[in-house]
PDB file of N, CA and C in Angstrom:
ATOM      1  N   THR A   1      67.297  84.508  77.858  1.00  0.00           N
ATOM      2  CA  THR A   1      66.591  85.385  76.485  1.00  0.00           C
ATOM      3  C   THR A   1      67.468  86.332  76.451  1.00  0.00           C
ATOM      4  N   CYS A   2      66.487  86.712  75.015  1.00  0.00           N
ATOM      5  CA  CYS A   2      67.410  87.837  74.468  1.00  0.00           C
ATOM      6  C   CYS A   2      66.780  88.806  75.217  1.00  0.00           C
ATOM      7  N   PRO A   3      67.392  90.229  75.485  1.00  0.00           N
ATOM      8  CA  PRO A   3      67.474  91.663  76.616  1.00  0.00           C
ATOM      9  C   PRO A   3      66.885  92.789  75.402  1.00  0.00           C
ATOM     10  N   MET A   4      66.533  92.076  74.636  1.00  0.00           N
ATOM     11  CA  MET A   4      66.227  93.304  73.318  1.00  0.00           C
ATOM     12  C   MET A   4      63.595  92.391  72.622  1.00  0.00           C
ATOM     13  N   CYS A   5      64.460  91.349  72.503  1.00  0.00           N
ATOM     14  CA  CYS A   5      63.063  91.115  72.447  1.00  0.00           C
ATOM     15  C   CYS A   5      62.054  90.608  74.217  1.00  0.00           C
ATOM     16  N   ARG A   6      63.446  89.699  74.614  1.00  0.00           N
ATOM     17  CA  ARG A   6      62.838  88.605  75.677  1.00  0.00           C
ATOM     18  C   ARG A   6      62.741  87.646  75.128  1.00  0.00           C
ATOM     19  N   THR A   7      62.909  87.087  73.994  1.00  0.00           N
ATOM     20  CA  THR A   7      62.325  85.874  73.954  1.00  0.00           C
ATOM     21  C   THR A   7      63.124  84.919  73.973  1.00  0.00           C
ATOM     22  N   GLU A   8      63.405  83.367  74.586  1.00  0.00           N
ATOM     23  CA  GLU A   8      64.216  81.894  74.595  1.00  0.00           C
ATOM     24  C   GLU A   8      64.895  81.510  73.528  1.00  0.00           C
ATOM     25  N   SER A   9      66.150  82.290  73.845  1.00  0.00           N
ATOM     26  CA  SER A   9      66.548  81.722  72.601  1.00  0.00           C
ATOM     27  C   SER A   9      67.437  80.421  72.486  1.00  0.00           C
ATOM     28  N   GLN A  10      67.750  79.436  71.336  1.00  0.00           N
ATOM     29  CA  GLN A  10      68.966  78.958  71.144  1.00  0.00           C
ATOM     30  C   GLN A  10      70.208  78.597  71.307  1.00  0.00           C
ATOM     31  N   ILE A  11      70.741  79.545  71.051  1.00  0.00           N
ATOM     32  CA  ILE A  11      71.851  79.786  70.594  1.00  0.00           C
ATOM     33  C   ILE A  11      71.788  80.665  71.879  1.00  0.00           C
ATOM     34  N   SER A  12      74.087  80.544  72.601  1.00  0.00           N
ATOM     35  CA  SER A  12      74.107  81.277  73.726  1.00  0.00           C
ATOM     36  C   SER A  12      75.231  81.224  73.198  1.00  0.00           C
ATOM     37  N   PHE A  13      75.499  83.050  73.490  1.00  0.00           N
ATOM     38  CA  PHE A  13      76.791  83.943  73.274  1.00  0.00           C
ATOM     39  C   PHE A  13      77.724  83.566  74.210  1.00  0.00           C
ATOM     40  N   PRO A  14      78.689  83.749  73.060  1.00  0.00           N
ATOM     41  CA  PRO A  14      80.327  82.725  74.455  1.00  0.00           C
ATOM     42  C   PRO A  14      80.720  83.960  74.997  1.00  0.00           C
ATOM     43  N   SER A  15      79.792  84.145  75.550  1.00  0.00           N
ATOM     44  CA  SER A  15      79.747  85.673  76.732  1.00  0.00           C
ATOM     45  C   SER A  15      78.626  85.368  78.366  1.00  0.00           C
ATOM     46  N   ARG A  16      79.095  85.986  79.861  1.00  0.00           N
ATOM     47  CA  ARG A  16      78.026  86.180  80.215  1.00  0.00           C
ATOM     48  C   ARG A  16      76.519  86.862  79.803  1.00  0.00           C
ATOM     49  N   TYR A  17      77.238  88.058  79.201  1.00  0.00           N
ATOM     50  CA  TYR A  17      76.288  88.855  78.951  1.00  0.00           C
ATOM     51  C   TYR A  17      75.353  88.471  78.595  1.00  0.00           C
ATOM     52  N   TRP A  18      74.922  88.686  77.231  1.00  0.00           N
ATOM     53  CA  TRP A  18      74.441  88.378  75.848  1.00  0.00           C
ATOM     54  C   TRP A  18      73.928  86.848  75.386  1.00  0.00           C
ATOM     55  N   TYR A  19      72.718  86.822  75.350  1.00  0.00           N
ATOM     56  CA  TYR A  19      71.975  85.445  73.966  1.00  0.00           C
ATOM     57  C   TYR A  19      71.722  85.859  73.458  1.00  0.00           C
ATOM     58  N   LYS A  20      72.698  84.806  72.268  1.00  0.00           N
ATOM     59  CA  LYS A  20      71.637  85.258  71.489  1.00  0.00           C
ATOM     60  C   LYS A  20      70.497  85.958  70.336  1.00  0.00           C
ATOM     61  N   CYS A  21      70.257  86.307  69.777  1.00  0.00           N
ATOM     62  CA  CYS A  21      68.359  85.855  69.678  1.00  0.00           C
ATOM     63  C   CYS A  21      68.358  84.828  68.138  1.00  0.00           C
ATOM     64  N   SER A  22      67.137  84.223  67.724  1.00  0.00           N
ATOM     65  CA  SER A  22      67.051  84.203  66.664  1.00  0.00           C
ATOM     66  C   SER A  22      66.813  84.784  65.417  1.00  0.00           C
ATOM     67  N   GLU A  23      66.488  86.039  65.478  1.00  0.00           N
ATOM     68  CA  GLU A  23      66.346  87.567  65.171  1.00  0.00           C
ATOM     69  C   GLU A  23      68.145  87.693  64.426  1.00  0.00           C
ATOM     70  N   GLU A  24      67.394  87.319  63.696  1.00  0.00           N
ATOM     71  CA  GLU A  24      69.573  88.029  62.340  1.00  0.00           C
ATOM     72  C   GLU A  24      69.429  90.211  62.860  1.00  0.00           C
ATOM     73  N   LYS A  25      68.448  90.762  62.902  1.00  0.00           N
ATOM     74  CA  LYS A  25      68.646  91.805  63.524  1.00  0.00           C
ATOM     75  C   LYS A  25      69.085  92.395  65.256  1.00  0.00           C
ATOM     76  N   HIS A  26      68.993  91.711  66.113  1.00  0.00           N
ATOM     77  CA  HIS A  26      69.184  91.562  66.956  1.00  0.00           C
ATOM     78  C   HIS A  26      70.524  90.726  67.422  1.00  0.00           C
ATOM     79  N   ARG A  27      70.632  89.405  66.585  1.00  0.00           N
ATOM     80  CA  ARG A  27      72.236  89.077  66.935  1.00  0.00           C
ATOM     81  C   ARG A  27      73.186  89.868  66.526  1.00  0.00           C
ATOM     82  N   LEU A  28      72.475  90.677  65.404  1.00  0.00           N
ATOM     83  CA  LEU A  28      73.317  91.631  65.276  1.00  0.00           C
ATOM     84  C   LEU A  28      73.918  93.417  66.217  1.00  0.00           C
ATOM     85  N   ALA A  29      73.119  93.485  67.213  1.00  0.00           N
ATOM     86  CA  ALA A  29      73.069  94.320  67.657  1.00  0.00           C
ATOM     87  C   ALA A  29      73.594  94.645  68.862  1.00  0.00           C
ATOM     88  N   LEU A  30      73.646  93.211  69.728  1.00  0.00           N
ATOM     89  CA  LEU A  30      73.797  92.582  70.748  1.00  0.00           C
ATOM     90  C   LEU A  30      75.028  92.660  70.852  1.00  0.00           C
ATOM     91  N   ASP A  31      75.831  92.022  69.184  1.00  0.00           N
ATOM     92  CA  ASP A  31      77.651  91.924  68.824  1.00  0.00           C
ATOM     93  C   ASP A  31      77.787  93.186  68.749  1.00  0.00           C
ATOM     94  N   GLU A  32      77.301  94.615  68.759  1.00  0.00           N
ATOM     95  CA  GLU A  32      77.498  95.995  68.187  1.00  0.00           C
ATOM     96  C   GLU A  32      77.054  96.263  69.948  1.00  0.00           C
ATOM     97  N   LYS A  33      76.406  96.057  70.339  1.00  0.00           N
ATOM     98  CA  LYS A  33      75.994  96.227  72.494  1.00  0.00           C
ATOM     99  C   LYS A  33      77.672  95.647  73.226  1.00  0.00           C
ATOM    100  N   LEU A  34      77.985  94.418  72.839  1.00  0.00           N
ATOM    101  CA  LEU A  34      79.353  93.595  73.862  1.00  0.00           C
ATOM    102  C   LEU A  34      80.405  94.095  73.665  1.00  0.00           C
ATOM    103  N   PHE A  35      80.816  94.800  71.720  1.00  0.00           N
ATOM    104  CA  PHE A  35      81.609  95.326  71.129  1.00  0.00           C
ATOM    105  C   PHE A  35      81.785  96.873  72.148  1.00  0.00           C
ATOM    106  N   GLU A  36      81.102  97.347  72.307  1.00  0.00           N
ATOM    107  CA  GLU A  36      80.782  98.319  73.114  1.00  0.00           C
ATOM    108  C   GLU A  36      80.774  98.601  74.369  1.00  0.00           C
ATOM    109  N   HIS A  37      80.780  96.965  75.054  1.00  0.00           N
ATOM    110  CA  HIS A  37      81.082  96.761  76.032  1.00  0.00           C
ATOM    111  C   HIS A  37      82.437  96.938  76.585  1.00  0.00           C
ATOM    112  N   LYS A  38      83.081  96.240  75.449  1.00  0.00           N
ATOM    113  CA  LYS A  38      84.430  95.955  76.154  1.00  0.00           C
ATOM    114  C   LYS A  38      85.034  96.859  75.404  1.00  0.00           C
ATOM    115  N   LEU A  39      84.886  97.673  74.609  1.00  0.00           N
ATOM    116  CA  LEU A  39      85.261  98.905  74.454  1.00  0.00           C
ATOM    117  C   LEU A  39      85.355  99.809  75.328  1.00  0.00           C
ATOM    118  N   MET A  40      84.249 100.759  76.676  1.00  0.00           N
ATOM    119  CA  MET A  40      83.918 100.720  77.612  1.00  0.00           C
ATOM    120  C   MET A  40      85.469 100.336  78.430  1.00  0.00           C
ATOM    121  N   LEU A  41      84.897  99.264  78.471  1.00  0.00           N
ATOM    122  CA  LEU A  41      85.712  98.445  79.747  1.00  0.00           C
ATOM    123  C   LEU A  41      87.557  98.746  79.416  1.00  0.00           C
ATOM    124  N   ALA A  42      87.715  99.143  78.125  1.00  0.00           N
ATOM    125  CA  ALA A  42      89.026  99.102  78.118  1.00  0.00           C
ATOM    126  C   ALA A  42      89.233 100.324  78.166  1.00  0.00           C
ATOM    127  N   THR A  43      88.867 101.064  77.707  1.00  0.00           N
ATOM    128  CA  THR A  43      88.834 102.973  77.574  1.00  0.00           C
ATOM    129  C   THR A  43      89.255 103.177  78.984  1.00  0.00           C
ATOM    130  N   PHE A  44      88.313 102.394  80.162  1.00  0.00           N
ATOM    131  CA  PHE A  44      88.008 103.042  81.202  1.00  0.00           C
ATOM    132  C   PHE A  44      89.228 101.932  82.098  1.00  0.00           C
ATOM    133  N   SER A  45      89.885 101.138  82.123  1.00  0.00           N
ATOM    134  CA  SER A  45      91.459 100.571  82.694  1.00  0.00           C
ATOM    135  C   SER A  45      92.341 101.627  81.955  1.00  0.00           C
ATOM    136  N   ILE A  46      92.512 101.636  80.993  1.00  0.00           N
ATOM    137  CA  ILE A  46      93.549 102.883  79.823  1.00  0.00           C
ATOM    138  C   ILE A  46      93.201 104.175  81.195  1.00  0.00           C
ATOM    139  N   MET A  47      92.342 104.940  81.212  1.00  0.00           N
ATOM    140  CA  MET A  47      92.026 106.442  81.643  1.00  0.00           C
ATOM    141  C   MET A  47      92.369 105.478  83.187  1.00  0.00           C
ATOM    142  N   THR A  48      91.953 105.489  83.780  1.00  0.00           N
ATOM    143  CA  THR A  48      92.458 105.216  85.108  1.00  0.00           C
ATOM    144  C   THR A  48      93.695 104.806  85.201  1.00  0.00           C
ATOM    145  N   SER A  49      94.733 103.816  84.552  1.00  0.00           N
ATOM    146  CA  SER A  49      95.996 103.508  85.072  1.00  0.00           C
ATOM    147  C   SER A  49      96.688 105.164  84.610  1.00  0.00           C
ATOM    148  N   ALA A  50      96.310 105.826  83.531  1.00  0.00           N
ATOM    149  CA  ALA A  50      96.254 107.009  83.414  1.00  0.00           C
ATOM    150  C   ALA A  50      96.722 108.215  84.910  1.00  0.00           C
ATOM    151  N   VAL A  51      95.351 108.186  85.248  1.00  0.00           N
ATOM    152  CA  VAL A  51      95.591 109.061  86.845  1.00  0.00           C
ATOM    153  C   VAL A  51      96.270 108.119  86.800  1.00  0.00           C
ATOM    154  N   LEU A  52      95.991 106.967  87.477  1.00  0.00           N
ATOM    155  CA  LEU A  52      97.329 107.031  88.978  1.00  0.00           C
ATOM    156  C   LEU A  52      98.776 106.596  88.360  1.00  0.00           C
TER     157      LEU A  52
END
């Protein structure tokens, strides 16, 4: 399902977080969200290692 509009999607995203929606604008938004999520994780791990 698409977390934005809750519709079942046929195209699955290569990750366990999201499934791509058939609507292009949702698909783009999901790509951005996934990128932000990865960026956040990377920043967090850098910060943690700096503290330690």
